[in-house]
N, C-alpha and C. Protein backbone atom coordinates (compact mmCIF):
# COMPACT_ATOMS: atom_id res chain seq x y z
N UNK A 1 -15.15 174.43 28.70
CA UNK A 1 -14.99 176.02 29.10
C UNK A 1 -15.35 176.89 27.91
N UNK A 2 -16.18 177.75 28.13
CA UNK A 2 -16.38 178.56 27.09
C UNK A 2 -15.75 179.89 27.24
N UNK A 3 -15.48 180.70 26.16
CA UNK A 3 -14.90 181.82 26.32
C UNK A 3 -16.18 182.89 25.81
N UNK A 4 -15.92 183.84 26.88
CA UNK A 4 -16.99 185.06 26.40
C UNK A 4 -16.14 186.42 26.32
N UNK A 5 -16.58 187.11 25.20
CA UNK A 5 -15.92 188.28 25.11
C UNK A 5 -17.10 189.41 25.18
N UNK A 6 -16.88 190.30 25.94
CA UNK A 6 -17.80 191.68 26.01
C UNK A 6 -17.01 192.72 25.43
N UNK A 7 -17.87 193.17 24.44
CA UNK A 7 -17.38 194.50 23.56
C UNK A 7 -18.27 195.59 23.66
N UNK A 8 -17.57 196.83 24.04
CA UNK A 8 -18.53 197.91 24.22
C UNK A 8 -17.88 198.82 22.99
N UNK A 9 -18.98 199.01 22.10
CA UNK A 9 -18.91 199.99 20.92
C UNK A 9 -19.58 201.61 21.46
N UNK A 10 -18.52 202.59 21.22
CA UNK A 10 -19.09 203.79 21.67
C UNK A 10 -18.98 204.62 20.35
N UNK A 11 -19.76 205.42 20.26
CA UNK A 11 -19.63 206.65 19.32
C UNK A 11 -20.54 207.88 19.51
N UNK A 12 -20.97 208.49 18.63
CA UNK A 12 -21.74 209.74 18.68
C UNK A 12 -22.86 209.62 17.79
N UNK A 13 -23.89 210.41 18.23
CA UNK A 13 -25.07 210.55 17.22
C UNK A 13 -25.84 209.42 17.14
N UNK A 14 -25.82 208.38 17.93
CA UNK A 14 -26.61 207.31 17.77
C UNK A 14 -25.86 205.93 16.71
N UNK A 15 -24.56 206.55 16.36
CA UNK A 15 -23.95 205.45 15.59
C UNK A 15 -23.53 204.15 16.01
N UNK A 16 -23.49 203.86 17.35
CA UNK A 16 -23.33 202.50 17.71
C UNK A 16 -24.65 201.85 17.45
N UNK A 17 -25.64 202.47 17.60
CA UNK A 17 -27.23 201.55 17.81
C UNK A 17 -27.20 201.01 15.98
N UNK A 18 -26.99 202.57 15.33
CA UNK A 18 -26.84 202.16 13.66
C UNK A 18 -26.11 200.88 13.41
N UNK A 19 -24.87 200.89 13.78
CA UNK A 19 -23.83 199.87 13.62
C UNK A 19 -24.50 198.55 13.75
N UNK A 20 -24.87 198.35 15.23
CA UNK A 20 -25.62 197.01 15.54
C UNK A 20 -27.07 196.66 14.73
N UNK A 21 -27.72 197.80 14.27
CA UNK A 21 -28.75 197.59 13.52
C UNK A 21 -28.42 197.12 12.00
N UNK A 22 -27.23 197.75 11.45
CA UNK A 22 -26.66 197.30 10.30
C UNK A 22 -26.26 195.85 10.24
N UNK A 23 -25.60 195.76 11.38
CA UNK A 23 -24.98 194.14 11.50
C UNK A 23 -26.39 193.17 11.39
N UNK A 24 -27.34 193.13 11.90
CA UNK A 24 -28.55 192.62 12.16
C UNK A 24 -29.08 192.60 10.48
N UNK A 25 -29.58 193.84 10.07
CA UNK A 25 -30.25 193.76 8.99
C UNK A 25 -29.19 193.33 7.82
N UNK A 26 -27.88 193.29 7.59
CA UNK A 26 -27.38 192.80 6.74
C UNK A 26 -27.16 191.22 6.59
N UNK A 27 -27.59 190.76 7.58
CA UNK A 27 -27.13 189.35 7.86
C UNK A 27 -26.02 188.82 8.41
N UNK A 28 -25.11 189.76 8.74
CA UNK A 28 -23.85 189.65 9.53
C UNK A 28 -23.91 188.73 10.50
N UNK A 29 -25.21 189.33 11.59
CA UNK A 29 -25.12 188.70 13.04
C UNK A 29 -25.76 187.20 12.78
N UNK A 30 -26.64 186.91 11.76
CA UNK A 30 -26.84 185.84 11.81
C UNK A 30 -25.85 184.91 10.93
N UNK A 31 -25.11 185.18 10.21
CA UNK A 31 -23.75 184.66 9.89
C UNK A 31 -22.81 184.29 10.89
N UNK A 32 -22.58 185.03 11.88
CA UNK A 32 -21.96 184.76 13.00
C UNK A 32 -22.21 183.73 13.78
N UNK A 33 -23.83 183.91 14.22
CA UNK A 33 -24.43 182.76 14.76
C UNK A 33 -24.37 181.62 14.42
N UNK A 34 -24.19 181.29 12.90
CA UNK A 34 -24.23 180.02 12.39
C UNK A 34 -22.82 179.59 12.19
N UNK A 35 -21.75 180.16 12.82
CA UNK A 35 -20.62 179.72 12.87
C UNK A 35 -20.41 178.56 13.66
N UNK A 36 -19.47 177.71 13.46
CA UNK A 36 -19.21 176.58 14.33
C UNK A 36 -18.58 176.88 15.48
N UNK A 37 -19.40 176.63 16.51
CA UNK A 37 -18.32 177.23 17.82
C UNK A 37 -18.99 178.32 18.54
N UNK A 38 -19.73 179.15 17.82
CA UNK A 38 -20.80 180.14 18.41
C UNK A 38 -21.57 179.78 19.31
N UNK A 39 -21.71 180.43 20.53
CA UNK A 39 -22.59 180.36 21.47
C UNK A 39 -23.54 181.17 21.95
N UNK A 40 -23.05 182.36 21.33
CA UNK A 40 -23.89 183.45 21.96
C UNK A 40 -23.12 184.85 21.03
N UNK A 41 -24.30 185.60 20.29
CA UNK A 41 -23.61 186.79 19.76
C UNK A 41 -25.05 187.59 19.81
N UNK A 42 -25.04 188.75 20.85
CA UNK A 42 -26.09 189.41 21.27
C UNK A 42 -25.69 191.14 21.52
N UNK A 43 -26.50 191.87 21.06
CA UNK A 43 -26.52 193.04 21.36
C UNK A 43 -27.22 193.92 22.29
N UNK A 44 -26.63 194.53 23.36
CA UNK A 44 -27.43 195.14 24.37
C UNK A 44 -27.16 196.75 24.57
N UNK A 45 -28.07 197.54 24.78
CA UNK A 45 -27.65 199.03 25.02
C UNK A 45 -28.19 199.27 26.62
N UNK A 46 -27.03 199.71 27.11
CA UNK A 46 -27.01 200.66 28.65
C UNK A 46 -28.06 201.53 28.58
N UNK A 47 -29.01 201.38 29.63
CA UNK A 47 -30.10 202.44 29.98
C UNK A 47 -29.58 203.83 30.19
N UNK A 48 -28.57 203.76 30.72
CA UNK A 48 -27.74 205.29 31.11
C UNK A 48 -26.90 205.81 30.25
N UNK A 49 -26.73 205.15 29.18
CA UNK A 49 -25.70 205.38 27.90
C UNK A 49 -25.96 205.16 26.53
N UNK A 50 -27.01 205.81 26.00
CA UNK A 50 -27.55 205.78 24.52
C UNK A 50 -26.24 205.57 23.74
N UNK A 51 -25.23 206.18 24.07
CA UNK A 51 -24.16 206.12 22.78
C UNK A 51 -23.24 205.05 22.64
N UNK A 52 -23.66 203.95 23.66
CA UNK A 52 -22.85 202.61 23.88
C UNK A 52 -23.85 201.59 23.33
N UNK A 53 -23.12 200.41 22.86
CA UNK A 53 -23.72 199.15 22.51
C UNK A 53 -22.76 197.98 23.28
N UNK A 54 -23.47 197.21 24.04
CA UNK A 54 -22.38 196.16 24.52
C UNK A 54 -23.08 195.06 23.37
N UNK A 55 -21.72 194.08 23.03
CA UNK A 55 -21.87 193.03 22.39
C UNK A 55 -21.42 191.77 23.19
N UNK A 56 -22.41 190.93 23.58
CA UNK A 56 -21.81 189.58 24.46
C UNK A 56 -21.63 188.56 23.41
N UNK A 57 -20.49 188.21 23.03
CA UNK A 57 -19.85 186.86 22.22
C UNK A 57 -19.29 185.96 22.60
N UNK A 58 -19.85 184.84 22.73
CA UNK A 58 -19.45 183.69 23.30
C UNK A 58 -19.32 182.52 22.33
N UNK A 59 -17.75 181.99 22.57
CA UNK A 59 -17.60 180.75 21.81
C UNK A 59 -17.16 179.45 22.69
N UNK A 60 -16.98 178.43 21.83
CA UNK A 60 -16.91 177.30 22.52
C UNK A 60 -15.49 176.93 23.14
N UNK A 61 -14.55 177.89 22.39
CA UNK A 61 -12.96 177.40 22.59
C UNK A 61 -12.33 178.38 21.83
N UNK A 62 -11.12 178.81 22.00
CA UNK A 62 -10.16 179.79 21.35
C UNK A 62 -9.89 179.39 19.92
N UNK A 63 -10.25 178.39 19.53
CA UNK A 63 -9.91 177.47 17.94
C UNK A 63 -11.20 178.23 17.34
N UNK A 64 -12.33 178.37 17.82
CA UNK A 64 -13.54 178.85 17.05
C UNK A 64 -13.50 180.15 16.87
N UNK A 65 -12.79 180.95 18.04
CA UNK A 65 -12.45 182.34 17.82
C UNK A 65 -11.76 182.83 16.83
N UNK A 66 -10.41 181.90 16.64
CA UNK A 66 -9.59 182.18 15.53
C UNK A 66 -9.93 181.84 14.53
N UNK A 67 -10.98 180.81 14.06
CA UNK A 67 -11.48 180.83 12.83
C UNK A 67 -12.43 181.87 12.50
N UNK A 68 -12.99 182.39 13.45
CA UNK A 68 -14.03 183.55 12.98
C UNK A 68 -13.12 184.87 12.63
N UNK A 69 -12.32 185.08 13.41
CA UNK A 69 -11.36 186.30 13.18
C UNK A 69 -10.57 186.02 12.02
N UNK A 70 -10.50 184.71 11.49
CA UNK A 70 -9.95 184.67 10.30
C UNK A 70 -10.50 184.52 9.00
N UNK A 71 -12.12 185.07 9.31
CA UNK A 71 -12.90 184.81 8.10
C UNK A 71 -13.31 186.45 7.45
N UNK A 72 -13.60 186.22 6.47
CA UNK A 72 -13.70 187.11 5.55
C UNK A 72 -14.84 188.14 6.32
N UNK A 73 -15.87 187.65 7.10
CA UNK A 73 -16.59 188.35 8.00
C UNK A 73 -15.97 189.52 8.70
N UNK A 74 -14.77 189.13 9.14
CA UNK A 74 -14.27 190.40 10.07
C UNK A 74 -13.87 191.38 9.10
N UNK A 75 -13.57 191.32 7.98
CA UNK A 75 -13.38 192.48 6.93
C UNK A 75 -14.63 193.33 6.84
N UNK A 76 -15.92 192.58 6.82
CA UNK A 76 -17.20 193.41 6.94
C UNK A 76 -17.28 193.98 8.30
N UNK A 77 -17.27 193.37 9.39
CA UNK A 77 -17.53 194.16 10.59
C UNK A 77 -16.33 195.18 10.78
N UNK A 78 -15.06 195.01 10.25
CA UNK A 78 -14.17 196.29 10.77
C UNK A 78 -14.35 197.53 9.78
N UNK A 79 -15.41 197.08 8.69
CA UNK A 79 -15.65 198.06 7.70
C UNK A 79 -16.85 199.03 8.24
N UNK A 80 -17.64 198.29 8.96
CA UNK A 80 -18.85 199.06 9.58
C UNK A 80 -18.50 199.66 10.92
N UNK A 81 -17.52 199.21 11.70
CA UNK A 81 -17.10 199.90 12.61
C UNK A 81 -16.42 201.30 12.07
N UNK A 82 -15.73 201.17 11.20
CA UNK A 82 -15.11 202.61 10.45
C UNK A 82 -16.24 203.40 9.84
N UNK A 83 -17.33 202.85 9.34
CA UNK A 83 -18.29 203.78 8.91
C UNK A 83 -18.84 204.60 9.97
N UNK A 84 -19.21 203.75 11.15
CA UNK A 84 -20.00 204.35 12.16
C UNK A 84 -18.77 205.02 13.14
N UNK A 85 -17.57 205.03 12.87
CA UNK A 85 -16.47 205.89 13.63
C UNK A 85 -16.57 205.57 15.30
N UNK A 86 -16.46 204.08 15.27
CA UNK A 86 -16.82 203.57 16.57
C UNK A 86 -15.54 203.17 17.28
N UNK A 87 -15.71 203.48 18.75
CA UNK A 87 -14.43 203.14 19.58
C UNK A 87 -14.87 202.06 20.33
N UNK A 88 -13.93 201.08 20.77
CA UNK A 88 -14.12 199.91 21.29
C UNK A 88 -13.50 199.41 22.88
N UNK A 89 -14.03 198.94 23.56
CA UNK A 89 -13.29 198.28 25.03
C UNK A 89 -13.82 196.93 25.08
N UNK A 90 -12.76 196.02 25.46
CA UNK A 90 -12.93 194.58 25.39
C UNK A 90 -12.62 194.20 26.70
N UNK A 91 -13.73 192.88 27.14
CA UNK A 91 -13.45 192.00 28.48
C UNK A 91 -13.42 190.99 28.04
N UNK A 92 -12.65 189.87 28.40
CA UNK A 92 -12.65 188.84 28.13
C UNK A 92 -12.66 187.88 29.24
N UNK A 93 -13.81 186.59 29.43
CA UNK A 93 -13.79 185.85 30.36
C UNK A 93 -14.03 184.16 30.01
N UNK A 94 -13.58 183.56 31.01
CA UNK A 94 -13.59 181.90 30.57
C UNK A 94 -14.81 181.71 31.63
N UNK A 95 -15.53 180.50 31.39
CA UNK A 95 -16.78 179.94 32.15
C UNK A 95 -16.10 179.14 33.52
N UNK A 96 -16.97 179.38 34.34
CA UNK A 96 -16.57 178.69 35.64
C UNK A 96 -17.69 177.70 36.16
N UNK A 97 -17.70 176.75 36.93
CA UNK A 97 -18.86 176.07 37.68
C UNK A 97 -19.22 177.05 38.75
N UNK A 98 -20.56 177.34 38.80
CA UNK A 98 -21.27 178.05 39.87
C UNK A 98 -21.14 177.49 41.17
N UNK A 99 -20.41 177.94 42.32
CA UNK A 99 -20.30 177.44 43.45
C UNK A 99 -21.81 176.91 44.03
N UNK A 100 -21.66 176.01 44.67
CA UNK A 100 -23.20 175.72 45.27
C UNK A 100 -23.77 176.77 46.18
N UNK A 101 -22.85 177.34 46.81
CA UNK A 101 -23.28 178.26 47.78
C UNK A 101 -23.71 179.53 47.07
N UNK A 102 -23.84 179.76 45.77
CA UNK A 102 -24.33 180.85 45.29
C UNK A 102 -25.78 180.52 44.45
N UNK A 103 -25.92 179.12 44.44
CA UNK A 103 -27.03 178.74 43.90
C UNK A 103 -28.25 179.23 44.36
N UNK A 104 -28.39 179.82 45.81
CA UNK A 104 -29.55 179.95 46.54
C UNK A 104 -29.71 181.39 46.14
N UNK A 105 -28.91 182.08 45.35
CA UNK A 105 -29.21 183.36 44.75
C UNK A 105 -29.99 183.40 43.59
N UNK A 106 -29.93 182.47 42.81
CA UNK A 106 -30.45 182.34 41.23
C UNK A 106 -32.15 181.92 41.25
N UNK A 107 -32.84 182.36 40.70
CA UNK A 107 -34.18 182.25 40.48
C UNK A 107 -34.55 181.71 39.18
N UNK A 108 -34.65 180.61 38.90
CA UNK A 108 -35.12 180.20 37.42
C UNK A 108 -36.39 179.83 37.15
């Protein structure tokens, strides 16, 4: 069972995008992706909201998330959020098997 966390970072003057770019350019994103248990760490920008960046962050289990949250990397991430004055909203999901009845709607 994977755990996926959707984090929406919202700012002004393009700061959410600048934050995501600095996260990538600094190597922080690559470091998170290399952590044991990380399945996905990707940024997206909604077409209708240029002041928001969505992070989709998936982990194998809660233990992997706890290790990540206890790492020094979180200090770096928190400092960048402060630097760009970002506000956050969070949604958390656990994986579930896709019902057979819904497979007909998936095009691979």
